[in-house]
Amino acid sequence: MVERLDEIKKILLQMKAETLNEISKSLKSTSDLPTGEPSGDIYDQASSERDRELGLLLGDREREKLRNIEEALLRFEEGEYGVCEECGDEIPLGRLKVLPFARYCVRCKSDIEKMQAQTRRFEEERVYNEISFGEEEDV
């Protein structure tokens, strides 16, 4: 089992290096974009803005991935790697190979996602009801 965890740690370190490389490329491409007075027609400007937003979005994703990798490496150092943060059971090796920075076993992750979906649905209904009732008061 220790050999397998060492293998996963190597995967995490490789992922970290690749992610840092991607962030570096993203930052370089963002800094290469022209600033100041926009040139070209409105379609060129819209395309440039879309490309810039996409670059920033991908950068945020990469930074989040890097944070997850760093946390997984810290769990290695603390001897807590491979243990579900919710139930305390061991995370199956197959899951760790697919998602080396997993913090939860499949069952707990599924429960957490269901709870988040319910909360999101409740919030959306609350906002919808506020909008609906607000419009009726204006009539």
N, C-alpha and C. Protein backbone atom coordinates (compact mmCIF):
# COMPACT_ATOMS: atom_id res chain seq x y z
N MET A 1 0.83 -1.20 0.00
CA MET A 1 0.00 0.00 0.00
C MET A 1 0.87 1.27 0.00
N VAL A 2 1.98 1.23 0.77
CA VAL A 2 2.87 2.39 0.84
C VAL A 2 3.47 2.68 -0.53
N GLU A 3 3.82 1.61 -1.27
CA GLU A 3 4.37 1.80 -2.61
C GLU A 3 3.37 2.50 -3.50
N ARG A 4 2.11 2.10 -3.38
CA ARG A 4 1.07 2.73 -4.21
C ARG A 4 0.89 4.19 -3.84
N LEU A 5 0.95 4.50 -2.55
CA LEU A 5 0.82 5.90 -2.13
C LEU A 5 2.01 6.71 -2.62
N ASP A 6 3.19 6.13 -2.62
CA ASP A 6 4.35 6.83 -3.17
C ASP A 6 4.16 7.12 -4.66
N GLU A 7 3.55 6.15 -5.35
CA GLU A 7 3.25 6.33 -6.78
C GLU A 7 2.28 7.49 -6.98
N ILE A 8 1.27 7.56 -6.13
CA ILE A 8 0.28 8.64 -6.22
C ILE A 8 0.93 9.98 -5.87
N LYS A 9 1.84 9.98 -4.90
CA LYS A 9 2.53 11.22 -4.54
C LYS A 9 3.34 11.72 -5.74
N LYS A 10 3.98 10.82 -6.47
CA LYS A 10 4.72 11.21 -7.67
C LYS A 10 3.77 11.80 -8.71
N ILE A 11 2.59 11.21 -8.84
CA ILE A 11 1.58 11.72 -9.78
C ILE A 11 1.18 13.14 -9.36
N LEU A 12 0.96 13.35 -8.05
CA LEU A 12 0.59 14.67 -7.56
C LEU A 12 1.69 15.70 -7.85
N LEU A 13 2.93 15.32 -7.63
CA LEU A 13 4.04 16.25 -7.90
C LEU A 13 4.14 16.57 -9.39
N GLN A 14 3.89 15.57 -10.23
CA GLN A 14 3.90 15.81 -11.68
C GLN A 14 2.74 16.73 -12.07
N MET A 15 1.55 16.48 -11.49
CA MET A 15 0.39 17.33 -11.77
C MET A 15 0.68 18.77 -11.33
N LYS A 16 1.35 18.92 -10.20
CA LYS A 16 1.68 20.25 -9.70
C LYS A 16 2.57 20.98 -10.70
N ALA A 17 3.60 20.29 -11.18
CA ALA A 17 4.51 20.91 -12.15
C ALA A 17 3.78 21.29 -13.43
N GLU A 18 2.92 20.41 -13.92
CA GLU A 18 2.17 20.69 -15.14
C GLU A 18 1.20 21.85 -14.93
N THR A 19 0.56 21.90 -13.78
CA THR A 19 -0.39 22.97 -13.49
C THR A 19 0.32 24.31 -13.38
N LEU A 20 1.48 24.32 -12.72
CA LEU A 20 2.26 25.56 -12.64
C LEU A 20 2.68 26.03 -14.03
N ASN A 21 3.02 25.09 -14.89
CA ASN A 21 3.38 25.41 -16.26
C ASN A 21 2.19 26.02 -17.00
N GLU A 22 1.01 25.44 -16.83
CA GLU A 22 -0.19 25.96 -17.49
C GLU A 22 -0.54 27.36 -16.98
N ILE A 23 -0.41 27.57 -15.67
CA ILE A 23 -0.69 28.90 -15.11
C ILE A 23 0.29 29.91 -15.68
N SER A 24 1.54 29.52 -15.77
CA SER A 24 2.56 30.40 -16.32
C SER A 24 2.24 30.77 -17.77
N LYS A 25 1.84 29.78 -18.57
CA LYS A 25 1.46 30.04 -19.96
C LYS A 25 0.25 30.97 -20.02
N SER A 26 -0.73 30.72 -19.15
CA SER A 26 -1.95 31.53 -19.13
C SER A 26 -1.63 32.98 -18.77
N LEU A 27 -0.78 33.17 -17.77
CA LEU A 27 -0.40 34.52 -17.38
C LEU A 27 0.36 35.23 -18.49
N LYS A 28 1.23 34.50 -19.17
CA LYS A 28 1.99 35.09 -20.27
C LYS A 28 1.07 35.49 -21.42
N SER A 29 0.12 34.62 -21.78
CA SER A 29 -0.78 34.95 -22.88
C SER A 29 -1.70 36.10 -22.52
N THR A 30 -2.09 36.19 -21.24
CA THR A 30 -2.93 37.30 -20.80
C THR A 30 -2.16 38.60 -20.84
N SER A 31 -0.89 38.56 -20.43
CA SER A 31 -0.09 39.79 -20.44
C SER A 31 0.29 40.20 -21.86
N ASP A 32 0.24 39.28 -22.81
CA ASP A 32 0.56 39.61 -24.21
C ASP A 32 -0.60 40.31 -24.92
N LEU A 33 -1.79 40.26 -24.31
CA LEU A 33 -2.94 40.90 -24.95
C LEU A 33 -2.75 42.41 -24.97
N PRO A 34 -3.13 43.06 -26.06
CA PRO A 34 -2.96 44.51 -26.14
C PRO A 34 -3.89 45.21 -25.16
N THR A 35 -3.39 46.30 -24.59
CA THR A 35 -4.20 47.10 -23.68
C THR A 35 -4.29 48.50 -24.25
N GLY A 36 -5.11 49.31 -23.64
CA GLY A 36 -5.24 50.68 -24.12
C GLY A 36 -6.39 50.80 -25.09
N GLU A 37 -6.18 51.59 -26.11
CA GLU A 37 -7.22 51.85 -27.09
C GLU A 37 -7.57 50.60 -27.87
N PRO A 38 -8.84 50.22 -27.90
CA PRO A 38 -9.24 49.05 -28.68
C PRO A 38 -9.10 49.35 -30.17
N SER A 39 -8.65 48.34 -30.89
CA SER A 39 -8.53 48.52 -32.33
C SER A 39 -9.45 47.52 -33.02
N GLY A 40 -9.74 47.75 -34.28
CA GLY A 40 -10.62 46.87 -35.02
C GLY A 40 -12.07 47.22 -34.79
N ASP A 41 -12.91 46.43 -35.44
CA ASP A 41 -14.33 46.69 -35.31
C ASP A 41 -14.88 46.05 -34.03
N ILE A 42 -16.16 46.21 -33.83
CA ILE A 42 -16.81 45.74 -32.61
C ILE A 42 -16.70 44.21 -32.46
N TYR A 43 -16.67 43.49 -33.58
CA TYR A 43 -16.56 42.03 -33.53
C TYR A 43 -15.17 41.60 -33.06
N ASP A 44 -14.14 42.32 -33.52
CA ASP A 44 -12.77 42.04 -33.05
C ASP A 44 -12.65 42.31 -31.56
N GLN A 45 -13.25 43.41 -31.11
CA GLN A 45 -13.19 43.77 -29.70
C GLN A 45 -13.91 42.72 -28.85
N ALA A 46 -15.10 42.28 -29.33
CA ALA A 46 -15.86 41.27 -28.59
C ALA A 46 -15.09 39.95 -28.54
N SER A 47 -14.46 39.58 -29.64
CA SER A 47 -13.68 38.36 -29.67
C SER A 47 -12.49 38.44 -28.72
N SER A 48 -11.81 39.56 -28.69
CA SER A 48 -10.68 39.75 -27.79
C SER A 48 -11.13 39.67 -26.33
N GLU A 49 -12.25 40.29 -26.04
CA GLU A 49 -12.77 40.27 -24.68
C GLU A 49 -13.16 38.85 -24.26
N ARG A 50 -13.79 38.11 -25.17
CA ARG A 50 -14.16 36.72 -24.90
C ARG A 50 -12.92 35.88 -24.63
N ASP A 51 -11.89 36.06 -25.43
CA ASP A 51 -10.64 35.32 -25.25
C ASP A 51 -10.00 35.65 -23.91
N ARG A 52 -10.03 36.92 -23.54
CA ARG A 52 -9.46 37.34 -22.26
C ARG A 52 -10.23 36.72 -21.09
N GLU A 53 -11.56 36.75 -21.16
CA GLU A 53 -12.37 36.17 -20.09
C GLU A 53 -12.15 34.66 -19.99
N LEU A 54 -12.05 34.00 -21.13
CA LEU A 54 -11.80 32.57 -21.14
C LEU A 54 -10.44 32.26 -20.51
N GLY A 55 -9.45 33.06 -20.83
CA GLY A 55 -8.13 32.89 -20.23
C GLY A 55 -8.15 33.06 -18.73
N LEU A 56 -8.89 34.05 -18.25
CA LEU A 56 -9.00 34.26 -16.80
C LEU A 56 -9.74 33.11 -16.13
N LEU A 57 -10.79 32.62 -16.78
CA LEU A 57 -11.55 31.50 -16.23
C LEU A 57 -10.68 30.26 -16.12
N LEU A 58 -9.94 29.96 -17.18
CA LEU A 58 -9.05 28.80 -17.15
C LEU A 58 -7.97 28.99 -16.09
N GLY A 59 -7.48 30.20 -15.94
CA GLY A 59 -6.49 30.48 -14.91
C GLY A 59 -7.03 30.20 -13.52
N ASP A 60 -8.28 30.60 -13.27
CA ASP A 60 -8.90 30.33 -11.97
C ASP A 60 -9.03 28.84 -11.72
N ARG A 61 -9.41 28.09 -12.76
CA ARG A 61 -9.52 26.64 -12.64
C ARG A 61 -8.19 26.01 -12.30
N GLU A 62 -7.16 26.48 -12.98
CA GLU A 62 -5.81 25.94 -12.75
C GLU A 62 -5.34 26.28 -11.33
N ARG A 63 -5.63 27.49 -10.88
CA ARG A 63 -5.24 27.86 -9.51
C ARG A 63 -5.97 27.01 -8.48
N GLU A 64 -7.23 26.72 -8.71
CA GLU A 64 -8.00 25.87 -7.80
C GLU A 64 -7.42 24.45 -7.80
N LYS A 65 -7.06 23.95 -8.96
CA LYS A 65 -6.45 22.63 -9.06
C LYS A 65 -5.13 22.60 -8.29
N LEU A 66 -4.34 23.65 -8.44
CA LEU A 66 -3.06 23.73 -7.74
C LEU A 66 -3.28 23.75 -6.22
N ARG A 67 -4.27 24.48 -5.77
CA ARG A 67 -4.58 24.53 -4.34
C ARG A 67 -4.96 23.14 -3.83
N ASN A 68 -5.78 22.40 -4.61
CA ASN A 68 -6.17 21.05 -4.23
C ASN A 68 -4.96 20.11 -4.16
N ILE A 69 -4.05 20.26 -5.11
CA ILE A 69 -2.84 19.43 -5.12
C ILE A 69 -1.98 19.74 -3.89
N GLU A 70 -1.81 21.03 -3.60
CA GLU A 70 -1.02 21.44 -2.43
C GLU A 70 -1.62 20.88 -1.14
N GLU A 71 -2.95 20.91 -1.03
CA GLU A 71 -3.60 20.37 0.16
C GLU A 71 -3.39 18.87 0.27
N ALA A 72 -3.44 18.16 -0.87
CA ALA A 72 -3.21 16.72 -0.87
C ALA A 72 -1.79 16.41 -0.42
N LEU A 73 -0.81 17.18 -0.91
CA LEU A 73 0.58 16.96 -0.51
C LEU A 73 0.77 17.24 0.98
N LEU A 74 0.05 18.22 1.50
CA LEU A 74 0.10 18.53 2.93
C LEU A 74 -0.48 17.36 3.74
N ARG A 75 -1.57 16.77 3.23
CA ARG A 75 -2.16 15.61 3.92
C ARG A 75 -1.17 14.45 3.93
N PHE A 76 -0.38 14.31 2.87
CA PHE A 76 0.68 13.30 2.84
C PHE A 76 1.64 13.53 4.01
N GLU A 77 2.09 14.78 4.15
CA GLU A 77 3.06 15.11 5.20
C GLU A 77 2.48 14.87 6.59
N GLU A 78 1.19 15.10 6.75
CA GLU A 78 0.54 14.94 8.06
C GLU A 78 0.08 13.51 8.31
N GLY A 79 0.26 12.62 7.30
CA GLY A 79 -0.14 11.23 7.45
C GLY A 79 -1.64 11.02 7.34
N GLU A 80 -2.35 11.98 6.75
CA GLU A 80 -3.81 11.90 6.64
C GLU A 80 -4.27 11.68 5.20
N TYR A 81 -3.33 11.47 4.29
CA TYR A 81 -3.70 11.29 2.89
C TYR A 81 -4.46 9.98 2.71
N GLY A 82 -5.49 10.02 1.88
CA GLY A 82 -6.25 8.82 1.56
C GLY A 82 -7.35 8.51 2.55
N VAL A 83 -7.62 9.44 3.47
CA VAL A 83 -8.68 9.26 4.47
C VAL A 83 -9.77 10.28 4.18
N CYS A 84 -11.01 9.80 4.10
CA CYS A 84 -12.16 10.68 3.83
C CYS A 84 -12.31 11.69 4.97
N GLU A 85 -12.40 12.96 4.61
CA GLU A 85 -12.54 14.02 5.61
C GLU A 85 -13.93 14.04 6.24
N GLU A 86 -14.88 13.35 5.64
CA GLU A 86 -16.25 13.35 6.16
C GLU A 86 -16.48 12.18 7.12
N CYS A 87 -16.19 10.95 6.66
CA CYS A 87 -16.51 9.76 7.46
C CYS A 87 -15.30 9.12 8.12
N GLY A 88 -14.09 9.47 7.67
CA GLY A 88 -12.89 8.91 8.26
C GLY A 88 -12.46 7.57 7.69
N ASP A 89 -13.22 7.03 6.74
CA ASP A 89 -12.84 5.77 6.10
C ASP A 89 -11.75 6.02 5.07
N GLU A 90 -11.05 4.94 4.71
CA GLU A 90 -10.04 5.07 3.66
C GLU A 90 -10.71 5.29 2.31
N ILE A 91 -10.13 6.17 1.52
CA ILE A 91 -10.61 6.41 0.16
C ILE A 91 -10.01 5.29 -0.70
N PRO A 92 -10.83 4.60 -1.48
CA PRO A 92 -10.31 3.51 -2.31
C PRO A 92 -9.19 3.97 -3.23
N LEU A 93 -8.20 3.11 -3.39
CA LEU A 93 -7.03 3.41 -4.20
C LEU A 93 -7.41 3.76 -5.64
N GLY A 94 -8.42 3.09 -6.18
CA GLY A 94 -8.87 3.39 -7.54
C GLY A 94 -9.32 4.83 -7.68
N ARG A 95 -10.03 5.34 -6.69
CA ARG A 95 -10.48 6.75 -6.72
C ARG A 95 -9.28 7.68 -6.63
N LEU A 96 -8.32 7.35 -5.80
CA LEU A 96 -7.14 8.20 -5.64
C LEU A 96 -6.30 8.22 -6.91
N LYS A 97 -6.29 7.12 -7.65
CA LYS A 97 -5.54 7.10 -8.90
C LYS A 97 -6.19 8.01 -9.94
N VAL A 98 -7.51 8.03 -9.95
CA VAL A 98 -8.24 8.86 -10.91
C VAL A 98 -8.22 10.33 -10.48
N LEU A 99 -8.40 10.57 -9.20
CA LEU A 99 -8.44 11.92 -8.66
C LEU A 99 -7.52 11.98 -7.43
N PRO A 100 -6.21 12.15 -7.66
CA PRO A 100 -5.25 12.03 -6.57
C PRO A 100 -5.44 13.03 -5.43
N PHE A 101 -6.16 14.12 -5.68
CA PHE A 101 -6.37 15.09 -4.61
C PHE A 101 -7.77 14.98 -4.00
N ALA A 102 -8.40 13.80 -4.16
CA ALA A 102 -9.74 13.58 -3.59
C ALA A 102 -9.69 13.70 -2.07
N ARG A 103 -10.68 14.38 -1.52
CA ARG A 103 -10.76 14.56 -0.07
C ARG A 103 -11.84 13.70 0.56
N TYR A 104 -12.72 13.17 -0.28
CA TYR A 104 -13.86 12.40 0.21
C TYR A 104 -13.98 11.08 -0.54
N CYS A 105 -14.54 10.08 0.13
CA CYS A 105 -14.87 8.83 -0.56
C CYS A 105 -16.07 9.11 -1.48
N VAL A 106 -16.37 8.20 -2.36
CA VAL A 106 -17.43 8.42 -3.35
C VAL A 106 -18.77 8.66 -2.66
N ARG A 107 -19.08 7.86 -1.64
CA ARG A 107 -20.38 7.98 -0.96
C ARG A 107 -20.54 9.36 -0.32
N CYS A 108 -19.53 9.82 0.40
CA CYS A 108 -19.61 11.13 1.06
C CYS A 108 -19.65 12.26 0.04
N LYS A 109 -18.84 12.16 -1.01
CA LYS A 109 -18.84 13.19 -2.05
C LYS A 109 -20.21 13.29 -2.70
N SER A 110 -20.83 12.15 -2.95
CA SER A 110 -22.17 12.13 -3.53
C SER A 110 -23.17 12.80 -2.60
N ASP A 111 -23.09 12.49 -1.31
CA ASP A 111 -24.00 13.11 -0.33
C ASP A 111 -23.80 14.62 -0.27
N ILE A 112 -22.54 15.06 -0.31
CA ILE A 112 -22.24 16.49 -0.27
C ILE A 112 -22.80 17.19 -1.50
N GLU A 113 -22.63 16.58 -2.68
CA GLU A 113 -23.14 17.18 -3.91
C GLU A 113 -24.66 17.24 -3.92
N LYS A 114 -25.32 16.21 -3.38
CA LYS A 114 -26.79 16.24 -3.28
C LYS A 114 -27.24 17.39 -2.38
N MET A 115 -26.56 17.56 -1.25
CA MET A 115 -26.90 18.63 -0.32
C MET A 115 -26.69 20.00 -0.98
N GLN A 116 -25.59 20.15 -1.71
CA GLN A 116 -25.33 21.41 -2.41
C GLN A 116 -26.39 21.69 -3.47
N ALA A 117 -26.83 20.65 -4.17
CA ALA A 117 -27.87 20.82 -5.20
C ALA A 117 -29.18 21.24 -4.55
N GLN A 118 -29.52 20.64 -3.43
CA GLN A 118 -30.76 21.01 -2.73
C GLN A 118 -30.69 22.45 -2.25
N THR A 119 -29.56 22.83 -1.70
CA THR A 119 -29.40 24.20 -1.21
C THR A 119 -29.50 25.19 -2.36
N ARG A 120 -28.84 24.87 -3.47
CA ARG A 120 -28.89 25.74 -4.65
C ARG A 120 -30.32 25.87 -5.17
N ARG A 121 -31.04 24.75 -5.22
CA ARG A 121 -32.42 24.76 -5.70
C ARG A 121 -33.29 25.61 -4.76
N PHE A 122 -33.09 25.46 -3.44
CA PHE A 122 -33.84 26.24 -2.47
C PHE A 122 -33.58 27.73 -2.65
N GLU A 123 -32.30 28.10 -2.84
CA GLU A 123 -31.94 29.51 -3.04
C GLU A 123 -32.56 30.07 -4.32
N GLU A 124 -32.55 29.28 -5.39
CA GLU A 124 -33.13 29.73 -6.65
C GLU A 124 -34.63 29.94 -6.51
N GLU A 125 -35.31 29.03 -5.78
CA GLU A 125 -36.75 29.19 -5.57
C GLU A 125 -37.04 30.42 -4.72
N ARG A 126 -36.20 30.67 -3.71
CA ARG A 126 -36.39 31.83 -2.84
C ARG A 126 -36.25 33.12 -3.66
N VAL A 127 -35.24 33.19 -4.50
CA VAL A 127 -35.02 34.38 -5.33
C VAL A 127 -36.19 34.55 -6.30
N TYR A 128 -36.64 33.44 -6.91
CA TYR A 128 -37.76 33.51 -7.84
C TYR A 128 -39.00 34.03 -7.12
N ASN A 129 -39.27 33.52 -5.92
CA ASN A 129 -40.45 33.97 -5.17
C ASN A 129 -40.35 35.45 -4.81
N GLU A 130 -39.15 35.91 -4.44
CA GLU A 130 -38.96 37.33 -4.13
C GLU A 130 -39.24 38.19 -5.35
N ILE A 131 -38.79 37.74 -6.50
CA ILE A 131 -39.02 38.49 -7.74
C ILE A 131 -40.50 38.49 -8.08
N SER A 132 -41.16 37.34 -7.94
CA SER A 132 -42.58 37.23 -8.27
C SER A 132 -43.42 38.11 -7.36
N PHE A 133 -43.16 38.07 -6.07
CA PHE A 133 -43.95 38.86 -5.13
C PHE A 133 -43.65 40.34 -5.30
N GLY A 134 -42.43 40.68 -5.62
CA GLY A 134 -42.04 42.07 -5.84
C GLY A 134 -42.77 42.68 -7.01
N GLU A 135 -42.99 41.89 -8.09
CA GLU A 135 -43.69 42.39 -9.26
C GLU A 135 -45.16 42.63 -8.99
N GLU A 136 -45.77 41.76 -8.16
CA GLU A 136 -47.19 41.90 -7.84
C GLU A 136 -47.45 43.16 -7.03
N GLU A 137 -46.51 43.54 -6.17
CA GLU A 137 -46.69 44.74 -5.36
C GLU A 137 -46.70 46.00 -6.23
N ASP A 138 -45.96 45.96 -7.34
CA ASP A 138 -45.88 47.12 -8.22
C ASP A 138 -47.15 47.32 -9.02
N VAL A 139 -47.95 46.26 -9.18
CA VAL A 139 -49.14 46.34 -10.03
C VAL A 139 -50.25 47.08 -9.40
